[in-house]
């Protein structure tokens, strides 16, 4: 017996067979595939269904589900993640030659289900976005990196970009739209909250920072290659963490680090009359969000989560190319406009 394998490596597929015939067919399939399994209940009982439990590597779950789909309609399949597995019988995966995806991540179905859970309820998403924007404005005014980090922790930014990546590679248009609406709504809510908060604090007599102070505390007043690198790294890390069922909390803070401070700068710059900082920070937010989305989409595709069938693969690939291109063009266009507003190329837009 070897040491414990982490729960990310193994899944337990439980098949609820509703008839003795379906239970027998499931057992014959598992025997043919040389898989270990256990049967709970009476496999020959007509009134009570039997449960067949099969431990398999996480990346092989999808292939097993496809095999079980050919057995019949009188069964249910559930996938469980154990805390640990004490066994040396997983050194060789019987589906190694047919899975096709060498990356030892979760199955496409589990990835899709996990992504769906990453979108919090609309009310919770708005509330956390508002709170994070308020704290970000306070952090900018206090010139406190610690307060800005607190705003990053609060911000619910990890879910929607990761969901957009999953929805693109698995070709789920409905899920992508939900993610896109949530991202646009979240950014608009955060920016509006930051502006309203900053104007409110100014009205109450709060003294504002200088432009130099804004630049020193945030370093997020103009798009830069290094900030894009940070955002791309966050998107890649988020996609890998999502596909391995790993924790995404720290990755969420990393994504927020590229977005939340400039949201605070947008509000403070608008309230205290620093259009260069406000528009530049807006450009930073857009570039970073687009970079995270593109990185997540491309990483999940590269990891092999695209459809396996040729027709579905071509459709998903076309969708990916179109979305990546549109995201890039929109981001670059807005950056040009915001940059022009910031440096005075388009005069008359700022009082």
Protein backbone atom coordinates (compact mmCIF):
# COMPACT_ATOMS: atom_id res chain seq x y z
CA UNK A 1 0.00 0.00 0.00
CA UNK A 2 1.40 3.39 -0.97
CA UNK A 3 0.92 6.80 0.57
CA UNK A 4 -2.23 8.84 0.25
CA UNK A 5 -3.04 10.30 -3.14
CA UNK A 6 -4.59 13.74 -3.08
CA UNK A 7 -8.29 13.92 -3.87
CA UNK A 8 -7.50 15.91 -7.03
CA UNK A 9 -6.01 12.75 -8.57
CA UNK A 10 -8.86 10.27 -8.07
CA UNK A 11 -12.62 10.31 -8.46
CA UNK A 12 -15.21 7.75 -7.38
CA UNK A 13 -17.84 7.19 -10.05
CA UNK A 14 -21.00 5.82 -8.51
CA UNK A 15 -23.50 4.19 -10.85
CA UNK A 16 -27.05 3.78 -9.57
CA UNK A 17 -28.42 0.81 -11.52
CA UNK A 18 -32.21 0.75 -11.42
CA UNK A 19 -32.63 -2.84 -12.64
CA UNK A 20 -30.73 -6.13 -12.31
CA UNK A 21 -30.16 -6.13 -16.07
CA UNK A 22 -28.54 -2.68 -16.09
CA UNK A 23 -26.39 -3.60 -13.08
CA UNK A 24 -25.18 -6.71 -14.91
CA UNK A 25 -24.33 -4.70 -18.04
CA UNK A 26 -22.39 -2.16 -15.97
CA UNK A 27 -20.42 -4.93 -14.27
CA UNK A 28 -19.62 -6.57 -17.59
CA UNK A 29 -18.36 -3.25 -18.97
CA UNK A 30 -16.15 -2.66 -15.94
CA UNK A 31 -14.80 -6.21 -16.12
CA UNK A 32 -13.98 -5.74 -19.80
CA UNK A 33 -12.10 -2.53 -18.97
CA UNK A 34 -10.25 -4.23 -16.08
CA UNK A 35 -11.50 -1.72 -13.52
CA UNK A 36 -11.91 -2.36 -9.80
CA UNK A 37 -15.39 -1.79 -8.43
CA UNK A 38 -17.70 -2.60 -5.55
CA UNK A 39 -21.44 -3.26 -5.56
CA UNK A 40 -23.70 -2.09 -2.72
CA UNK A 41 -27.23 -3.38 -2.38
CA UNK A 42 -28.77 -6.41 -4.06
CA UNK A 43 -27.74 -6.54 -7.73
CA UNK A 44 -30.55 -9.02 -8.37
CA UNK A 45 -33.23 -7.19 -6.45
CA UNK A 46 -36.11 -5.87 -8.52
CA UNK A 47 -37.32 -3.31 -5.96
CA UNK A 48 -34.11 -1.79 -4.61
CA UNK A 49 -31.44 -0.48 -7.03
CA UNK A 50 -27.77 -1.42 -6.72
CA UNK A 51 -24.91 1.08 -6.46
CA UNK A 52 -21.69 0.29 -8.30
CA UNK A 53 -18.69 2.35 -7.11
CA UNK A 54 -15.66 2.67 -9.39
CA UNK A 55 -12.46 4.56 -8.44
CA UNK A 56 -10.70 6.01 -11.50
CA UNK A 57 -8.17 8.78 -12.20
CA UNK A 58 -9.90 12.15 -12.59
CA UNK A 59 -8.90 12.58 -16.23
CA UNK A 60 -10.53 9.23 -17.14
CA UNK A 61 -13.95 10.04 -15.68
CA UNK A 62 -15.27 11.49 -18.93
CA UNK A 63 -14.33 8.43 -20.97
CA UNK A 64 -15.94 6.13 -18.40
CA UNK A 65 -19.12 8.22 -18.49
CA UNK A 66 -19.20 7.93 -22.27
CA UNK A 67 -18.83 4.16 -21.95
CA UNK A 68 -21.61 3.99 -19.38
CA UNK A 69 -23.90 6.05 -21.61
CA UNK A 70 -24.00 3.08 -24.00
CA UNK A 71 -25.27 0.76 -21.27
CA UNK A 72 -28.79 2.16 -21.18
CA UNK A 73 -31.05 4.83 -19.71
CA UNK A 74 -32.02 3.01 -16.51
CA UNK A 75 -29.06 4.23 -14.44
CA UNK A 76 -27.69 7.40 -12.86
CA UNK A 77 -24.05 8.40 -12.63
CA UNK A 78 -22.53 10.50 -9.85
CA UNK A 79 -18.92 11.64 -9.48
CA UNK A 80 -17.45 12.04 -5.99
CA UNK A 81 -14.11 13.49 -4.90
CA UNK A 82 -12.57 11.54 -1.98
CA UNK A 83 -10.37 13.26 0.57
CA UNK A 84 -7.57 10.72 0.10
CA UNK A 85 -6.94 7.32 -1.45
CA UNK A 86 -4.61 4.72 0.07
CA UNK A 87 -3.70 2.36 -2.74
CA UNK A 88 -0.96 1.52 -5.20
CA UNK A 89 -3.38 0.29 -7.87
CA UNK A 90 -3.53 3.62 -9.73
CA UNK A 91 0.00 3.55 -11.07
CA UNK A 92 -1.40 2.54 -14.46
CA UNK A 93 -4.57 4.01 -15.93
CA UNK A 94 -6.46 1.47 -18.10
CA UNK A 95 -7.76 4.36 -20.21
CA UNK A 96 -4.34 5.90 -20.89
CA UNK A 97 -4.41 5.07 -24.59
CA UNK A 98 -7.96 6.26 -25.28
CA UNK A 99 -8.32 9.38 -23.12
CA UNK A 100 -6.11 11.36 -25.47
CA UNK A 101 -5.57 14.23 -23.00
CA UNK A 102 -2.34 13.65 -21.11
CA UNK A 103 -2.97 16.51 -18.71
CA UNK A 104 -4.02 15.02 -15.38
CA UNK A 105 -6.86 17.37 -14.66
CA UNK A 106 -10.57 16.96 -14.02
CA UNK A 107 -12.98 15.81 -16.72
CA UNK A 108 -14.78 18.24 -19.02
CA UNK A 109 -18.06 17.57 -17.27
CA UNK A 110 -16.60 18.31 -13.86
CA UNK A 111 -14.87 21.41 -15.21
CA UNK A 112 -18.18 22.66 -16.62
CA UNK A 113 -19.98 21.99 -13.35
CA UNK A 114 -17.27 23.69 -11.28
CA UNK A 115 -17.30 26.73 -13.57
CA UNK A 116 -21.06 27.06 -13.18
CA UNK A 117 -20.61 27.17 -9.41
CA UNK A 118 -18.04 29.98 -9.69
CA UNK A 119 -20.72 32.50 -10.58
CA UNK A 120 -22.15 33.74 -7.26
CA UNK A 121 -25.69 35.00 -6.99
CA UNK A 122 -26.21 38.40 -8.58
CA UNK A 123 -26.93 40.12 -5.28
CA UNK A 124 -23.82 38.76 -3.58
CA UNK A 125 -21.69 39.67 -6.60
CA UNK A 126 -22.95 43.27 -6.60
CA UNK A 127 -22.57 43.62 -2.83
CA UNK A 128 -18.97 42.38 -2.78
CA UNK A 129 -18.11 44.53 -5.79
CA UNK A 130 -19.50 47.63 -4.11
CA UNK A 131 -17.66 46.93 -0.86
CA UNK A 132 -14.37 46.25 -2.64
CA UNK A 133 -14.67 49.48 -4.66
CA UNK A 134 -15.34 51.53 -1.52
CA UNK A 135 -12.36 49.98 0.25
CA UNK A 136 -10.21 50.57 -2.85
CA UNK A 137 -11.04 54.28 -2.81
CA UNK A 138 -10.18 54.41 0.88
CA UNK A 139 -6.89 52.64 0.19
CA UNK A 140 -5.97 55.13 -2.54
CA UNK A 141 -6.84 58.14 -0.35
CA UNK A 142 -4.97 56.68 2.63
CA UNK A 143 -2.07 55.74 0.35
CA UNK A 144 -2.19 52.36 2.08
CA UNK A 145 -1.13 49.22 0.27
CA UNK A 146 -2.57 47.12 3.13
CA UNK A 147 -6.05 48.57 2.59
CA UNK A 148 -5.78 47.97 -1.16
CA UNK A 149 -4.88 44.34 -0.48
CA UNK A 150 -8.01 44.10 1.64
CA UNK A 151 -10.06 45.38 -1.28
CA UNK A 152 -8.43 42.75 -3.51
CA UNK A 153 -9.41 39.95 -1.13
CA UNK A 154 -13.04 41.11 -1.10
CA UNK A 155 -13.43 41.56 -4.85
CA UNK A 156 -15.36 38.68 -6.56
CA UNK A 157 -13.24 38.73 -9.72
CA UNK A 158 -12.03 35.15 -10.13
CA UNK A 159 -15.29 33.52 -11.20
CA UNK A 160 -16.54 35.31 -14.36
CA UNK A 161 -13.25 35.24 -16.35
CA UNK A 162 -12.70 31.56 -15.55
CA UNK A 163 -16.29 30.78 -16.53
CA UNK A 164 -15.78 32.63 -19.82
CA UNK A 165 -12.75 30.46 -20.53
CA UNK A 166 -14.58 27.22 -19.77
CA UNK A 167 -17.66 28.29 -21.73
CA UNK A 168 -15.53 29.07 -24.78
CA UNK A 169 -13.57 25.81 -24.89
CA UNK A 170 -16.64 23.62 -24.25
CA UNK A 171 -18.71 25.75 -26.67
CA UNK A 172 -21.43 26.76 -24.19
CA UNK A 173 -22.87 30.02 -25.52
CA UNK A 174 -25.38 30.50 -22.70
CA UNK A 175 -22.73 30.18 -20.00
CA UNK A 176 -20.43 32.57 -21.87
CA UNK A 177 -23.15 35.20 -22.07
CA UNK A 178 -23.82 34.93 -18.35
CA UNK A 179 -20.13 35.36 -17.65
CA UNK A 180 -19.84 38.33 -20.00
CA UNK A 181 -22.86 40.08 -18.49
CA UNK A 182 -21.49 39.47 -15.00
CA UNK A 183 -18.06 40.88 -15.95
CA UNK A 184 -19.43 44.00 -17.65
CA UNK A 185 -21.92 44.59 -14.85
CA UNK A 186 -19.26 44.06 -12.19
CA UNK A 187 -16.81 46.48 -13.76
CA UNK A 188 -19.51 49.10 -14.30
CA UNK A 189 -20.73 48.70 -10.72
CA UNK A 190 -17.20 48.94 -9.34
CA UNK A 191 -16.31 52.03 -11.35
CA UNK A 192 -19.59 53.79 -10.54
CA UNK A 193 -19.27 52.94 -6.86
CA UNK A 194 -15.70 54.23 -6.78
CA UNK A 195 -16.72 57.53 -8.40
CA UNK A 196 -19.74 58.04 -6.14
CA UNK A 197 -17.70 57.17 -3.04
CA UNK A 198 -14.89 59.52 -3.98
CA UNK A 199 -17.24 62.43 -4.70
CA UNK A 200 -19.04 61.75 -1.43
CA UNK A 201 -15.81 61.83 0.55
CA UNK A 202 -14.75 65.02 -1.21
CA UNK A 203 -18.11 66.61 -0.35
CA UNK A 204 -17.55 65.66 3.29
CA UNK A 205 -14.27 67.56 3.30
CA UNK A 206 -11.78 64.78 2.65
CA UNK A 207 -8.54 66.12 1.18
CA UNK A 208 -7.44 64.47 -2.01
CA UNK A 209 -4.05 63.18 -3.03
CA UNK A 210 -1.72 64.72 -5.59
CA UNK A 211 -1.23 63.13 -8.99
CA UNK A 212 2.22 62.04 -7.88
CA UNK A 213 0.69 60.35 -4.85
CA UNK A 214 -1.77 58.49 -7.07
CA UNK A 215 1.05 57.22 -9.22
CA UNK A 216 3.10 56.16 -6.21
CA UNK A 217 0.35 54.29 -4.39
CA UNK A 218 -1.12 52.41 -7.34
CA UNK A 219 1.28 52.35 -10.29
CA UNK A 220 -1.96 51.67 -12.20
CA UNK A 221 -2.58 54.92 -14.05
CA UNK A 222 -1.52 53.78 -17.51
CA UNK A 223 -1.41 50.44 -19.33
CA UNK A 224 1.98 48.77 -19.33
CA UNK A 225 3.45 45.52 -20.56
CA UNK A 226 4.28 44.37 -17.03
CA UNK A 227 0.67 44.81 -15.87
CA UNK A 228 -0.51 42.78 -18.87
CA UNK A 229 2.03 40.09 -17.95
CA UNK A 230 0.62 40.02 -14.40
CA UNK A 231 -2.93 39.72 -15.72
CA UNK A 232 -1.97 36.97 -18.18
CA UNK A 233 -0.20 35.10 -15.42
CA UNK A 234 -3.29 35.36 -13.25
CA UNK A 235 -5.48 33.99 -16.04
CA UNK A 236 -3.13 31.07 -16.66
CA UNK A 237 -2.88 30.25 -12.96
CA UNK A 238 -6.65 30.45 -12.58
CA UNK A 239 -7.26 28.08 -15.50
CA UNK A 240 -4.74 25.55 -14.17
CA UNK A 241 -6.18 25.76 -10.66
CA UNK A 242 -9.71 25.33 -11.95
CA UNK A 243 -8.81 22.29 -14.03
CA UNK A 244 -7.07 20.59 -11.11
CA UNK A 245 -9.76 21.35 -8.53
CA UNK A 246 -7.17 23.39 -6.66
CA UNK A 247 -7.92 26.44 -4.51
CA UNK A 248 -8.54 29.64 -6.44
CA UNK A 249 -8.46 32.08 -3.53
CA UNK A 250 -4.90 33.26 -4.02
CA UNK A 251 -5.36 33.40 -7.78
CA UNK A 252 -8.44 35.56 -7.21
CA UNK A 253 -6.33 38.01 -5.21
CA UNK A 254 -3.78 38.03 -8.03
CA UNK A 255 -6.49 38.92 -10.55
CA UNK A 256 -7.87 41.56 -8.20
CA UNK A 257 -4.39 43.05 -7.89
CA UNK A 258 -4.56 43.92 -11.57
CA UNK A 259 -8.08 45.39 -11.41
CA UNK A 260 -9.07 46.71 -7.98
CA UNK A 261 -6.41 49.45 -7.40
CA UNK A 262 -7.13 51.14 -10.74
CA UNK A 263 -10.85 51.11 -9.90
CA UNK A 264 -10.02 53.16 -6.80
CA UNK A 265 -7.89 55.50 -8.93
CA UNK A 266 -10.81 55.99 -11.34
CA UNK A 267 -12.99 57.28 -8.51
CA UNK A 268 -10.35 59.47 -6.89
CA UNK A 269 -9.15 60.84 -10.22
CA UNK A 270 -12.71 61.72 -11.27
CA UNK A 271 -13.57 63.40 -7.97
CA UNK A 272 -10.39 65.43 -7.57
CA UNK A 273 -9.96 66.39 -11.20
CA UNK A 274 -7.16 64.15 -12.45
CA UNK A 275 -8.43 63.04 -15.88
CA UNK A 276 -5.07 61.56 -16.81
CA UNK A 277 -5.20 59.23 -13.81
CA UNK A 278 -8.92 58.42 -14.18
CA UNK A 279 -8.86 57.58 -17.87
CA UNK A 280 -5.49 55.86 -17.63
CA UNK A 281 -6.75 53.67 -14.79
CA UNK A 282 -9.84 52.85 -16.83
CA UNK A 283 -7.60 51.70 -19.67
CA UNK A 284 -5.62 49.56 -17.21
CA UNK A 285 -8.79 47.87 -15.95
CA UNK A 286 -9.98 47.02 -19.45
CA UNK A 287 -6.62 45.74 -20.65
CA UNK A 288 -6.12 43.59 -17.56
CA UNK A 289 -9.62 42.07 -17.64
CA UNK A 290 -9.27 41.22 -21.32
CA UNK A 291 -5.81 39.74 -20.70
CA UNK A 292 -7.15 37.50 -17.93
CA UNK A 293 -9.99 36.27 -20.17
CA UNK A 294 -7.74 35.58 -23.14
CA UNK A 295 -5.17 33.78 -20.96
CA UNK A 296 -7.84 31.58 -19.37
CA UNK A 297 -9.37 30.67 -22.74
CA UNK A 298 -6.07 29.80 -24.41
CA UNK A 299 -4.77 27.88 -21.38
CA UNK A 300 -7.84 25.67 -21.09
CA UNK A 301 -7.72 24.99 -24.82
CA UNK A 302 -4.04 24.10 -24.64
CA UNK A 303 -4.71 21.78 -21.69
CA UNK A 304 -7.02 19.76 -23.93
CA UNK A 305 -10.50 20.71 -22.71
CA UNK A 306 -11.79 21.41 -26.21
CA UNK A 307 -14.34 18.99 -27.72
CA UNK A 308 -13.01 15.70 -28.99
CA UNK A 309 -15.37 15.26 -31.96
CA UNK A 310 -14.12 16.86 -35.16
CA UNK A 311 -17.28 18.84 -35.97
CA UNK A 312 -17.61 20.18 -32.44
CA UNK A 313 -13.87 20.89 -32.35
CA UNK A 314 -14.03 23.01 -35.50
CA UNK A 315 -17.03 24.95 -34.17
CA UNK A 316 -15.38 25.54 -30.79
CA UNK A 317 -12.10 26.59 -32.42
CA UNK A 318 -13.90 29.13 -34.60
CA UNK A 319 -15.72 30.45 -31.56
CA UNK A 320 -12.45 30.76 -29.65
CA UNK A 321 -10.70 32.66 -32.43
CA UNK A 322 -13.61 35.07 -32.87
CA UNK A 323 -13.95 35.78 -29.16
CA UNK A 324 -10.23 36.27 -28.59
CA UNK A 325 -10.05 38.61 -31.59
CA UNK A 326 -13.11 40.61 -30.52
CA UNK A 327 -11.84 40.94 -26.96
CA UNK A 328 -8.47 42.15 -28.17
CA UNK A 329 -9.93 44.66 -30.65
CA UNK A 330 -12.41 46.07 -28.14
CA UNK A 331 -9.72 46.44 -25.50
CA UNK A 332 -7.27 48.14 -27.86
CA UNK A 333 -9.97 50.49 -29.18
CA UNK A 334 -11.04 51.56 -25.72
CA UNK A 335 -7.44 52.00 -24.64
CA UNK A 336 -6.85 54.32 -27.60
CA UNK A 337 -9.96 56.35 -26.75
CA UNK A 338 -9.23 56.52 -23.03
CA UNK A 339 -5.60 57.32 -23.68
CA UNK A 340 -6.64 60.13 -26.01
CA UNK A 341 -8.99 61.54 -23.39
CA UNK A 342 -6.23 61.37 -20.80
CA UNK A 343 -3.55 63.16 -22.80
CA UNK A 344 -5.86 65.72 -24.40
CA UNK A 345 -6.02 64.25 -27.90
CA UNK A 346 -9.82 64.51 -27.71
CA UNK A 347 -10.37 67.87 -25.99
CA UNK A 348 -13.63 68.99 -24.47
CA UNK A 349 -14.59 65.68 -22.88
CA UNK A 350 -13.43 66.67 -19.40
CA UNK A 351 -14.59 69.88 -17.67
